Amino acid sequence: MNTPPPAFQAIVIGGSAGAIDALLTILPALPATLRASVIVALHVQRDKPSLLAQVFGPRCALPVHEAHDNQPLQPGTIVFAPPDYHLLLEAGPRLSLSVGVPLHFSRPAIDVLFESAADLFGERVIGILLSGANSDGALGLAAIEQAKGLCMVQAPDSASSPTMPLAALALIPQVPHILNPAAIAETLNNLHTRRLL
């Protein structure tokens, strides 16, 4: 008998300064049996190779890799946006890379990923905004909220750079989950236990 698809088919995560520390708590806690795809956009230096896949790969139960253009989006994988490219989700589903204008001085920009995820997955996406020093991601998380997806924001008092979480909370004061990284990981695992992820 075929297993029905999970209620949430994608988890999109964005962050900037301080977000790697949060991800080191969240991503290794995800179980190998997770069925949703995990797509991460972090503000990284545009002129240097990213080592995020190498850093997180040995720590995570799920496969970890850097996104490639036109690559099919695989369930149960963690994908990082490469430096100097916006990462979008398109019909297929598949990954798409763009050299569009930087937003908030950033490419990849979190808003670009989140808005494309809201358009593609609607209520079947979870958006998580972590620590960061600007307002990128707030509009994208609002798009996920408007699409009836599930929104989570790192609790500002647990973020080394609270500007990004605070910008999201100012725009979406009704965010249902304002949590520290350990609680975000626990919430995702609870959703998995309920077979929603």
N, C-alpha and C. Protein backbone atom coordinates (compact mmCIF):
# COMPACT_ATOMS: atom_id res chain seq x y z
N MET A 1 0.84 -1.19 0.00
CA MET A 1 0.00 0.00 0.00
C MET A 1 0.88 1.24 0.00
N ASN A 2 0.58 2.20 -0.84
CA ASN A 2 1.36 3.42 -0.91
C ASN A 2 1.10 4.29 0.31
N THR A 3 2.17 4.89 0.83
CA THR A 3 2.03 5.81 1.96
C THR A 3 1.56 7.16 1.42
N PRO A 4 0.51 7.74 2.02
CA PRO A 4 0.05 9.04 1.53
C PRO A 4 1.11 10.11 1.76
N PRO A 5 1.13 11.14 0.92
CA PRO A 5 2.12 12.20 1.12
C PRO A 5 1.88 12.91 2.44
N PRO A 6 2.94 13.46 3.03
CA PRO A 6 2.77 14.17 4.30
C PRO A 6 1.97 15.45 4.11
N ALA A 7 1.38 15.91 5.21
CA ALA A 7 0.62 17.17 5.14
C ALA A 7 1.52 18.32 4.76
N PHE A 8 2.75 18.31 5.26
CA PHE A 8 3.73 19.34 4.93
C PHE A 8 4.81 18.71 4.06
N GLN A 9 4.96 19.22 2.85
CA GLN A 9 5.89 18.62 1.92
C GLN A 9 7.22 19.37 1.81
N ALA A 10 7.29 20.57 2.37
CA ALA A 10 8.53 21.34 2.32
C ALA A 10 8.68 22.16 3.59
N ILE A 11 9.92 22.26 4.05
CA ILE A 11 10.29 23.14 5.16
C ILE A 11 11.32 24.10 4.59
N VAL A 12 11.01 25.38 4.58
CA VAL A 12 11.98 26.38 4.11
C VAL A 12 12.49 27.15 5.32
N ILE A 13 13.79 27.33 5.36
CA ILE A 13 14.44 27.95 6.51
C ILE A 13 15.34 29.07 6.00
N GLY A 14 15.27 30.22 6.67
CA GLY A 14 16.12 31.34 6.30
C GLY A 14 16.76 31.96 7.52
N GLY A 15 17.94 32.54 7.30
CA GLY A 15 18.62 33.21 8.40
C GLY A 15 19.87 33.91 7.91
N SER A 16 20.46 34.64 8.82
CA SER A 16 21.69 35.37 8.51
C SER A 16 22.61 35.25 9.71
N ALA A 17 23.07 36.36 10.23
CA ALA A 17 24.01 36.32 11.35
C ALA A 17 23.42 35.55 12.53
N GLY A 18 24.15 34.55 13.00
CA GLY A 18 23.70 33.74 14.13
C GLY A 18 22.86 32.54 13.74
N ALA A 19 22.46 32.42 12.50
CA ALA A 19 21.55 31.34 12.11
C ALA A 19 22.25 29.98 12.06
N ILE A 20 23.55 29.95 11.77
CA ILE A 20 24.24 28.66 11.71
C ILE A 20 24.19 27.98 13.07
N ASP A 21 24.37 28.75 14.14
CA ASP A 21 24.28 28.16 15.48
C ASP A 21 22.91 27.53 15.70
N ALA A 22 21.86 28.21 15.26
CA ALA A 22 20.51 27.66 15.41
C ALA A 22 20.35 26.39 14.57
N LEU A 23 20.86 26.42 13.34
CA LEU A 23 20.75 25.25 12.46
C LEU A 23 21.51 24.05 13.01
N LEU A 24 22.59 24.30 13.72
CA LEU A 24 23.35 23.19 14.31
C LEU A 24 22.54 22.46 15.38
N THR A 25 21.52 23.11 15.91
CA THR A 25 20.57 22.45 16.82
C THR A 25 19.42 21.81 16.05
N ILE A 26 18.92 22.51 15.04
CA ILE A 26 17.69 22.07 14.36
C ILE A 26 17.94 20.92 13.38
N LEU A 27 18.87 21.09 12.47
CA LEU A 27 19.01 20.12 11.38
C LEU A 27 19.48 18.74 11.86
N PRO A 28 20.46 18.63 12.76
CA PRO A 28 20.86 17.28 13.21
C PRO A 28 19.76 16.55 13.98
N ALA A 29 18.76 17.28 14.46
CA ALA A 29 17.66 16.65 15.20
C ALA A 29 16.60 16.05 14.30
N LEU A 30 16.64 16.35 13.00
CA LEU A 30 15.62 15.83 12.09
C LEU A 30 15.87 14.34 11.82
N PRO A 31 14.83 13.51 11.89
CA PRO A 31 15.02 12.06 11.74
C PRO A 31 15.23 11.66 10.29
N ALA A 32 15.90 10.53 10.11
CA ALA A 32 16.17 10.01 8.76
C ALA A 32 14.89 9.64 8.02
N THR A 33 13.80 9.44 8.75
CA THR A 33 12.53 9.05 8.13
C THR A 33 11.67 10.25 7.74
N LEU A 34 12.17 11.47 7.91
CA LEU A 34 11.42 12.67 7.51
C LEU A 34 11.12 12.60 6.01
N ARG A 35 9.87 12.90 5.63
CA ARG A 35 9.49 12.81 4.22
C ARG A 35 9.49 14.17 3.53
N ALA A 36 9.41 15.24 4.29
CA ALA A 36 9.41 16.58 3.70
C ALA A 36 10.82 16.94 3.20
N SER A 37 10.88 17.83 2.22
CA SER A 37 12.15 18.39 1.77
C SER A 37 12.47 19.61 2.63
N VAL A 38 13.75 19.81 2.92
CA VAL A 38 14.20 20.93 3.74
C VAL A 38 15.10 21.80 2.86
N ILE A 39 14.72 23.06 2.70
CA ILE A 39 15.46 23.96 1.81
C ILE A 39 15.90 25.18 2.62
N VAL A 40 17.19 25.48 2.60
CA VAL A 40 17.76 26.50 3.48
C VAL A 40 18.43 27.60 2.65
N ALA A 41 18.09 28.84 2.97
CA ALA A 41 18.78 30.00 2.38
C ALA A 41 19.41 30.81 3.51
N LEU A 42 20.72 30.90 3.48
CA LEU A 42 21.45 31.71 4.46
C LEU A 42 22.21 32.80 3.73
N HIS A 43 22.35 33.95 4.38
CA HIS A 43 23.19 35.00 3.83
C HIS A 43 24.65 34.57 4.01
N VAL A 44 25.32 34.30 2.91
CA VAL A 44 26.73 33.89 2.94
C VAL A 44 27.51 34.82 2.02
N GLN A 45 28.82 34.80 2.18
CA GLN A 45 29.65 35.64 1.33
C GLN A 45 29.51 35.19 -0.12
N ARG A 46 29.26 36.16 -1.00
CA ARG A 46 28.96 35.82 -2.39
C ARG A 46 30.19 35.44 -3.19
N ASP A 47 31.38 35.81 -2.70
CA ASP A 47 32.59 35.58 -3.49
C ASP A 47 33.42 34.41 -2.99
N LYS A 48 32.84 33.58 -2.11
CA LYS A 48 33.57 32.43 -1.59
C LYS A 48 32.69 31.18 -1.66
N PRO A 49 33.29 30.01 -1.88
CA PRO A 49 32.50 28.78 -1.88
C PRO A 49 31.85 28.57 -0.51
N SER A 50 30.66 28.02 -0.53
CA SER A 50 29.98 27.68 0.73
C SER A 50 30.43 26.30 1.19
N LEU A 51 30.68 26.17 2.47
CA LEU A 51 31.04 24.87 3.04
C LEU A 51 29.90 24.29 3.87
N LEU A 52 28.70 24.85 3.72
CA LEU A 52 27.59 24.45 4.59
C LEU A 52 27.24 22.97 4.43
N ALA A 53 27.21 22.48 3.19
CA ALA A 53 26.89 21.06 2.99
C ALA A 53 27.93 20.17 3.66
N GLN A 54 29.20 20.57 3.58
CA GLN A 54 30.26 19.77 4.20
C GLN A 54 30.19 19.85 5.72
N VAL A 55 29.79 21.00 6.25
CA VAL A 55 29.68 21.16 7.71
C VAL A 55 28.52 20.34 8.26
N PHE A 56 27.37 20.42 7.57
CA PHE A 56 26.17 19.78 8.12
C PHE A 56 26.02 18.32 7.72
N GLY A 57 26.58 17.92 6.58
CA GLY A 57 26.41 16.54 6.12
C GLY A 57 26.73 15.49 7.17
N PRO A 58 27.93 15.54 7.79
CA PRO A 58 28.27 14.50 8.77
C PRO A 58 27.43 14.56 10.05
N ARG A 59 26.77 15.69 10.28
CA ARG A 59 26.01 15.86 11.51
C ARG A 59 24.54 15.45 11.39
N CYS A 60 24.07 15.26 10.16
CA CYS A 60 22.63 15.09 9.93
C CYS A 60 22.30 13.66 9.48
N ALA A 61 21.12 13.21 9.89
CA ALA A 61 20.63 11.89 9.47
C ALA A 61 20.14 11.93 8.03
N LEU A 62 19.71 13.10 7.57
CA LEU A 62 19.22 13.26 6.20
C LEU A 62 20.38 13.61 5.26
N PRO A 63 20.28 13.24 3.99
CA PRO A 63 21.29 13.67 3.02
C PRO A 63 21.31 15.20 2.90
N VAL A 64 22.50 15.76 2.74
CA VAL A 64 22.68 17.21 2.67
C VAL A 64 23.46 17.54 1.40
N HIS A 65 22.99 18.52 0.63
CA HIS A 65 23.76 18.95 -0.53
C HIS A 65 23.44 20.39 -0.88
N GLU A 66 24.25 20.96 -1.75
CA GLU A 66 24.02 22.30 -2.27
C GLU A 66 23.13 22.22 -3.50
N ALA A 67 22.25 23.19 -3.66
CA ALA A 67 21.28 23.17 -4.76
C ALA A 67 21.96 23.37 -6.10
N HIS A 68 21.40 22.71 -7.13
CA HIS A 68 21.80 22.89 -8.52
C HIS A 68 20.58 23.29 -9.34
N ASP A 69 20.80 24.06 -10.36
CA ASP A 69 19.70 24.55 -11.18
C ASP A 69 18.97 23.39 -11.87
N ASN A 70 17.64 23.46 -11.85
CA ASN A 70 16.76 22.47 -12.48
C ASN A 70 16.82 21.10 -11.83
N GLN A 71 17.36 21.02 -10.64
CA GLN A 71 17.44 19.76 -9.92
C GLN A 71 16.07 19.41 -9.33
N PRO A 72 15.59 18.18 -9.50
CA PRO A 72 14.33 17.80 -8.84
C PRO A 72 14.45 17.93 -7.33
N LEU A 73 13.39 18.38 -6.70
CA LEU A 73 13.37 18.50 -5.24
C LEU A 73 13.04 17.13 -4.66
N GLN A 74 13.97 16.58 -3.91
CA GLN A 74 13.82 15.24 -3.38
C GLN A 74 13.24 15.27 -1.97
N PRO A 75 12.28 14.39 -1.67
CA PRO A 75 11.79 14.27 -0.29
C PRO A 75 12.92 13.81 0.63
N GLY A 76 12.85 14.22 1.88
CA GLY A 76 13.79 13.73 2.87
C GLY A 76 15.22 14.12 2.63
N THR A 77 15.45 15.31 2.08
CA THR A 77 16.80 15.82 1.89
C THR A 77 16.88 17.25 2.42
N ILE A 78 18.10 17.68 2.71
CA ILE A 78 18.38 19.06 3.12
C ILE A 78 19.19 19.70 2.01
N VAL A 79 18.71 20.84 1.51
CA VAL A 79 19.35 21.53 0.40
C VAL A 79 19.71 22.95 0.83
N PHE A 80 20.94 23.36 0.58
CA PHE A 80 21.38 24.73 0.86
C PHE A 80 21.48 25.53 -0.43
N ALA A 81 21.04 26.78 -0.38
CA ALA A 81 21.23 27.69 -1.51
C ALA A 81 22.72 27.96 -1.69
N PRO A 82 23.22 27.95 -2.93
CA PRO A 82 24.63 28.25 -3.15
C PRO A 82 24.90 29.75 -3.06
N PRO A 83 26.15 30.15 -2.85
CA PRO A 83 26.48 31.57 -2.80
C PRO A 83 26.16 32.27 -4.11
N ASP A 84 25.69 33.50 -4.01
CA ASP A 84 25.49 34.42 -5.13
C ASP A 84 24.38 34.00 -6.09
N TYR A 85 23.47 33.14 -5.63
CA TYR A 85 22.29 32.77 -6.42
C TYR A 85 21.05 32.82 -5.54
N HIS A 86 19.98 33.38 -6.05
CA HIS A 86 18.69 33.18 -5.41
C HIS A 86 18.25 31.75 -5.67
N LEU A 87 17.60 31.14 -4.69
CA LEU A 87 17.08 29.78 -4.84
C LEU A 87 15.55 29.84 -4.79
N LEU A 88 14.92 29.29 -5.82
CA LEU A 88 13.46 29.27 -5.90
C LEU A 88 12.98 27.84 -6.06
N LEU A 89 11.72 27.62 -5.69
CA LEU A 89 11.06 26.34 -5.90
C LEU A 89 10.05 26.52 -7.02
N GLU A 90 10.10 25.62 -7.99
CA GLU A 90 9.21 25.72 -9.14
C GLU A 90 8.49 24.41 -9.37
N ALA A 91 7.48 24.44 -10.24
CA ALA A 91 6.66 23.26 -10.51
C ALA A 91 7.53 22.09 -10.90
N GLY A 92 7.15 20.94 -10.41
CA GLY A 92 7.90 19.71 -10.64
C GLY A 92 7.74 18.72 -9.49
N PRO A 93 8.10 19.10 -8.25
CA PRO A 93 8.80 20.34 -7.91
C PRO A 93 10.30 20.22 -8.23
N ARG A 94 10.89 21.38 -8.50
CA ARG A 94 12.31 21.39 -8.79
C ARG A 94 12.92 22.67 -8.24
N LEU A 95 14.24 22.67 -8.16
CA LEU A 95 15.00 23.82 -7.69
C LEU A 95 15.39 24.68 -8.88
N SER A 96 15.38 25.97 -8.69
CA SER A 96 15.77 26.90 -9.74
C SER A 96 16.69 27.96 -9.15
N LEU A 97 17.80 28.22 -9.84
CA LEU A 97 18.75 29.24 -9.39
C LEU A 97 18.61 30.48 -10.27
N SER A 98 18.74 31.65 -9.65
CA SER A 98 18.58 32.91 -10.36
C SER A 98 19.69 33.88 -9.95
N VAL A 99 20.12 34.69 -10.91
CA VAL A 99 21.07 35.75 -10.61
C VAL A 99 20.34 37.09 -10.62
N GLY A 100 19.09 37.08 -10.21
CA GLY A 100 18.33 38.31 -10.09
C GLY A 100 18.98 39.29 -9.12
N VAL A 101 18.48 40.51 -9.13
CA VAL A 101 19.05 41.58 -8.31
C VAL A 101 19.05 41.17 -6.83
N PRO A 102 20.15 41.40 -6.09
CA PRO A 102 20.14 41.11 -4.66
C PRO A 102 19.02 41.87 -3.93
N LEU A 103 18.43 41.24 -2.96
CA LEU A 103 17.44 41.86 -2.10
C LEU A 103 18.03 41.98 -0.70
N HIS A 104 17.82 43.11 -0.05
CA HIS A 104 18.43 43.36 1.26
C HIS A 104 19.94 43.13 1.19
N PHE A 105 20.52 43.51 0.05
CA PHE A 105 21.95 43.35 -0.19
C PHE A 105 22.37 41.87 -0.20
N SER A 106 21.43 40.98 -0.40
CA SER A 106 21.73 39.55 -0.26
C SER A 106 21.28 38.76 -1.48
N ARG A 107 22.12 37.82 -1.88
CA ARG A 107 21.77 36.82 -2.88
C ARG A 107 22.56 35.57 -2.50
N PRO A 108 21.90 34.55 -1.94
CA PRO A 108 20.47 34.31 -1.94
C PRO A 108 19.72 35.19 -0.93
N ALA A 109 18.50 35.54 -1.30
CA ALA A 109 17.60 36.26 -0.40
C ALA A 109 16.53 35.30 0.11
N ILE A 110 16.23 35.43 1.37
CA ILE A 110 15.24 34.55 2.00
C ILE A 110 13.85 34.81 1.44
N ASP A 111 13.51 36.08 1.22
CA ASP A 111 12.18 36.41 0.68
C ASP A 111 11.92 35.66 -0.63
N VAL A 112 12.92 35.57 -1.50
CA VAL A 112 12.75 34.91 -2.79
C VAL A 112 12.38 33.44 -2.60
N LEU A 113 13.11 32.75 -1.73
CA LEU A 113 12.82 31.34 -1.46
C LEU A 113 11.44 31.18 -0.83
N PHE A 114 11.15 31.96 0.20
CA PHE A 114 9.90 31.81 0.93
C PHE A 114 8.69 32.10 0.03
N GLU A 115 8.78 33.16 -0.78
CA GLU A 115 7.64 33.51 -1.64
C GLU A 115 7.40 32.43 -2.69
N SER A 116 8.47 31.86 -3.24
CA SER A 116 8.29 30.80 -4.23
C SER A 116 7.72 29.55 -3.57
N ALA A 117 8.12 29.28 -2.33
CA ALA A 117 7.58 28.12 -1.60
C ALA A 117 6.10 28.30 -1.31
N ALA A 118 5.72 29.53 -0.94
CA ALA A 118 4.30 29.80 -0.69
C ALA A 118 3.49 29.61 -1.96
N ASP A 119 4.01 30.08 -3.08
CA ASP A 119 3.30 29.94 -4.35
C ASP A 119 3.15 28.48 -4.75
N LEU A 120 4.19 27.68 -4.53
CA LEU A 120 4.18 26.30 -5.00
C LEU A 120 3.45 25.36 -4.05
N PHE A 121 3.69 25.51 -2.75
CA PHE A 121 3.19 24.53 -1.80
C PHE A 121 2.00 25.01 -0.97
N GLY A 122 1.77 26.31 -0.89
CA GLY A 122 0.62 26.81 -0.14
C GLY A 122 0.60 26.32 1.29
N GLU A 123 -0.48 25.69 1.69
CA GLU A 123 -0.64 25.25 3.08
C GLU A 123 0.25 24.05 3.42
N ARG A 124 0.97 23.53 2.45
CA ARG A 124 1.82 22.35 2.68
C ARG A 124 3.27 22.71 2.95
N VAL A 125 3.53 23.99 3.27
CA VAL A 125 4.91 24.42 3.55
C VAL A 125 5.00 24.96 4.96
N ILE A 126 6.17 24.73 5.57
CA ILE A 126 6.52 25.32 6.85
C ILE A 126 7.64 26.31 6.60
N GLY A 127 7.48 27.54 7.07
CA GLY A 127 8.51 28.55 6.96
C GLY A 127 9.11 28.85 8.32
N ILE A 128 10.42 28.84 8.40
CA ILE A 128 11.13 29.07 9.67
C ILE A 128 12.14 30.18 9.45
N LEU A 129 12.01 31.26 10.20
CA LEU A 129 12.94 32.39 10.11
C LEU A 129 13.78 32.46 11.37
N LEU A 130 15.09 32.47 11.16
CA LEU A 130 16.04 32.41 12.27
C LEU A 130 16.73 33.76 12.48
N SER A 131 17.74 33.73 13.31
CA SER A 131 18.54 34.90 13.65
C SER A 131 19.08 35.59 12.40
N GLY A 132 19.14 36.93 12.44
CA GLY A 132 19.69 37.68 11.32
C GLY A 132 19.67 39.16 11.60
N ALA A 133 20.49 39.91 10.84
CA ALA A 133 20.72 41.32 11.15
C ALA A 133 19.97 42.28 10.25
N ASN A 134 19.07 41.77 9.37
CA ASN A 134 18.23 42.69 8.60
C ASN A 134 16.82 42.13 8.50
N SER A 135 15.99 42.71 7.65
CA SER A 135 14.57 42.32 7.62
C SER A 135 14.25 41.30 6.54
N ASP A 136 15.25 40.77 5.85
CA ASP A 136 14.99 39.76 4.82
C ASP A 136 14.23 38.58 5.45
N GLY A 137 13.26 38.07 4.74
CA GLY A 137 12.49 36.93 5.22
C GLY A 137 11.14 37.30 5.80
N ALA A 138 10.98 38.54 6.26
CA ALA A 138 9.71 38.93 6.87
C ALA A 138 8.57 38.90 5.84
N LEU A 139 8.80 39.50 4.68
CA LEU A 139 7.77 39.50 3.64
C LEU A 139 7.52 38.09 3.13
N GLY A 140 8.57 37.30 3.00
CA GLY A 140 8.40 35.93 2.54
C GLY A 140 7.62 35.09 3.53
N LEU A 141 7.89 35.27 4.82
CA LEU A 141 7.14 34.53 5.83
C LEU A 141 5.68 34.98 5.83
N ALA A 142 5.45 36.27 5.59
CA ALA A 142 4.07 36.76 5.48
C ALA A 142 3.35 36.09 4.31
N ALA A 143 4.08 35.85 3.21
CA ALA A 143 3.47 35.17 2.06
C ALA A 143 3.09 33.74 2.43
N ILE A 144 3.94 33.07 3.21
CA ILE A 144 3.61 31.71 3.66
C ILE A 144 2.40 31.74 4.59
N GLU A 145 2.35 32.72 5.46
CA GLU A 145 1.20 32.85 6.36
C GLU A 145 -0.08 33.08 5.56
N GLN A 146 -0.03 33.93 4.55
CA GLN A 146 -1.20 34.21 3.72
C GLN A 146 -1.63 32.99 2.91
N ALA A 147 -0.67 32.11 2.59
CA ALA A 147 -0.98 30.89 1.86
C ALA A 147 -1.45 29.76 2.78
N LYS A 148 -1.58 30.06 4.07
CA LYS A 148 -2.05 29.11 5.09
C LYS A 148 -1.01 28.07 5.45
N GLY A 149 0.27 28.37 5.13
CA GLY A 149 1.34 27.51 5.61
C GLY A 149 1.59 27.75 7.09
N LEU A 150 2.49 26.96 7.67
CA LEU A 150 2.82 27.07 9.09
C LEU A 150 4.08 27.91 9.26
N CYS A 151 4.02 28.91 10.13
CA CYS A 151 5.14 29.83 10.32
C CYS A 151 5.77 29.65 11.69
N MET A 152 7.09 29.66 11.73
CA MET A 152 7.86 29.65 12.97
C MET A 152 8.92 30.74 12.90
N VAL A 153 9.16 31.37 14.05
CA VAL A 153 10.18 32.40 14.15
C VAL A 153 11.04 32.09 15.37
N GLN A 154 12.35 32.21 15.20
CA GLN A 154 13.22 32.04 16.36
C GLN A 154 12.92 33.12 17.38
N ALA A 155 12.76 32.74 18.62
CA ALA A 155 12.50 33.70 19.69
C ALA A 155 13.62 34.73 19.72
N PRO A 156 13.28 36.02 19.64
CA PRO A 156 14.33 37.04 19.57
C PRO A 156 15.34 36.96 20.71
N ASP A 157 14.87 36.58 21.91
CA ASP A 157 15.82 36.53 23.04
C ASP A 157 16.78 35.35 22.95
N SER A 158 16.56 34.45 21.98
CA SER A 158 17.49 33.33 21.78
C SER A 158 18.37 33.55 20.55
N ALA A 159 18.17 34.68 19.85
CA ALA A 159 18.91 34.96 18.62
C ALA A 159 20.06 35.92 18.89
N SER A 160 21.23 35.61 18.34
CA SER A 160 22.36 36.52 18.54
C SER A 160 22.16 37.82 17.76
N SER A 161 21.38 37.76 16.68
CA SER A 161 20.99 38.96 15.92
C SER A 161 19.47 38.94 15.78
N PRO A 162 18.75 39.62 16.67
CA PRO A 162 17.29 39.51 16.70
C PRO A 162 16.54 40.35 15.67
N THR A 163 17.25 41.15 14.86
CA THR A 163 16.57 42.05 13.92
C THR A 163 15.63 41.29 12.99
N MET A 164 16.10 40.18 12.45
CA MET A 164 15.30 39.42 11.48
C MET A 164 14.03 38.84 12.12
N PRO A 165 14.14 38.14 13.26
CA PRO A 165 12.91 37.68 13.91
C PRO A 165 11.97 38.82 14.30
N LEU A 166 12.51 39.91 14.80
CA LEU A 166 11.66 41.04 15.21
C LEU A 166 10.93 41.65 14.01
N ALA A 167 11.60 41.72 12.85
CA ALA A 167 10.95 42.25 11.65
C ALA A 167 9.77 41.38 11.24
N ALA A 168 9.95 40.06 11.35
CA ALA A 168 8.85 39.15 11.01
C ALA A 168 7.70 39.29 11.99
N LEU A 169 8.01 39.40 13.26
CA LEU A 169 6.96 39.50 14.27
C LEU A 169 6.22 40.83 14.17
N ALA A 170 6.90 41.88 13.73
CA ALA A 170 6.23 43.16 13.54
C ALA A 170 5.24 43.08 12.38
N LEU A 171 5.59 42.28 11.38
CA LEU A 171 4.74 42.15 10.19
C LEU A 171 3.64 41.11 10.39
N ILE A 172 3.94 40.07 11.15
CA ILE A 172 2.99 38.97 11.38
C ILE A 172 2.89 38.73 12.88
N PRO A 173 2.19 39.57 13.61
CA PRO A 173 2.16 39.44 15.07
C PRO A 173 1.50 38.16 15.56
N GLN A 174 0.75 37.47 14.68
CA GLN A 174 0.04 36.27 15.10
C GLN A 174 0.82 34.98 14.79
N VAL A 175 2.13 35.06 14.60
CA VAL A 175 2.93 33.86 14.36
C VAL A 175 2.67 32.85 15.48
N PRO A 176 2.28 31.61 15.14
CA PRO A 176 1.88 30.67 16.19
C PRO A 176 3.04 30.06 16.96
N HIS A 177 4.24 30.07 16.36
CA HIS A 177 5.37 29.41 17.01
C HIS A 177 6.55 30.37 17.07
N ILE A 178 6.83 30.90 18.26
CA ILE A 178 7.98 31.76 18.51
C ILE A 178 8.84 31.00 19.51
N LEU A 179 9.90 30.37 19.02
CA LEU A 179 10.57 29.32 19.77
C LEU A 179 12.09 29.44 19.69
N ASN A 180 12.76 28.91 20.70
CA ASN A 180 14.22 28.81 20.60
C ASN A 180 14.56 27.62 19.69
N PRO A 181 15.81 27.51 19.24
CA PRO A 181 16.14 26.45 18.28
C PRO A 181 15.80 25.04 18.76
N ALA A 182 16.04 24.74 20.02
CA ALA A 182 15.72 23.39 20.52
C ALA A 182 14.22 23.12 20.46
N ALA A 183 13.43 24.13 20.74
CA ALA A 183 11.97 23.96 20.67
C ALA A 183 11.49 23.87 19.22
N ILE A 184 12.15 24.57 18.30
CA ILE A 184 11.82 24.40 16.88
C ILE A 184 12.06 22.95 16.46
N ALA A 185 13.22 22.40 16.84
CA ALA A 185 13.54 21.01 16.51
C ALA A 185 12.50 20.06 17.12
N GLU A 186 12.12 20.31 18.35
CA GLU A 186 11.13 19.46 19.02
C GLU A 186 9.78 19.53 18.32
N THR A 187 9.38 20.73 17.91
CA THR A 187 8.10 20.89 17.21
C THR A 187 8.10 20.15 15.88
N LEU A 188 9.19 20.24 15.13
CA LEU A 188 9.28 19.52 13.86
C LEU A 188 9.22 18.01 14.09
N ASN A 189 9.89 17.53 15.13
CA ASN A 189 9.85 16.11 15.42
C ASN A 189 8.47 15.65 15.87
N ASN A 190 7.75 16.51 16.59
CA ASN A 190 6.38 16.17 16.97
C ASN A 190 5.48 16.06 15.74
N LEU A 191 5.67 16.98 14.78
CA LEU A 191 4.90 16.90 13.55
C LEU A 191 5.22 15.61 12.80
N HIS A 192 6.50 15.22 12.81
CA HIS A 192 6.90 13.97 12.16
C HIS A 192 6.26 12.77 12.85
N THR A 193 6.26 12.78 14.18
CA THR A 193 5.65 11.68 14.93
C THR A 193 4.17 11.52 14.58
N ARG A 194 3.52 12.66 14.31
CA ARG A 194 2.11 12.64 13.91
C ARG A 194 1.93 12.35 12.42
N ARG A 195 3.04 12.02 11.74
CA ARG A 195 3.07 11.66 10.32
C ARG A 195 2.64 12.82 9.42
N LEU A 196 2.92 14.04 9.90
CA LEU A 196 2.62 15.23 9.10
C LEU A 196 3.84 15.71 8.32
N LEU A 197 5.00 15.16 8.63
CA LEU A 197 6.25 15.54 7.97
C LEU A 197 6.96 14.31 7.43
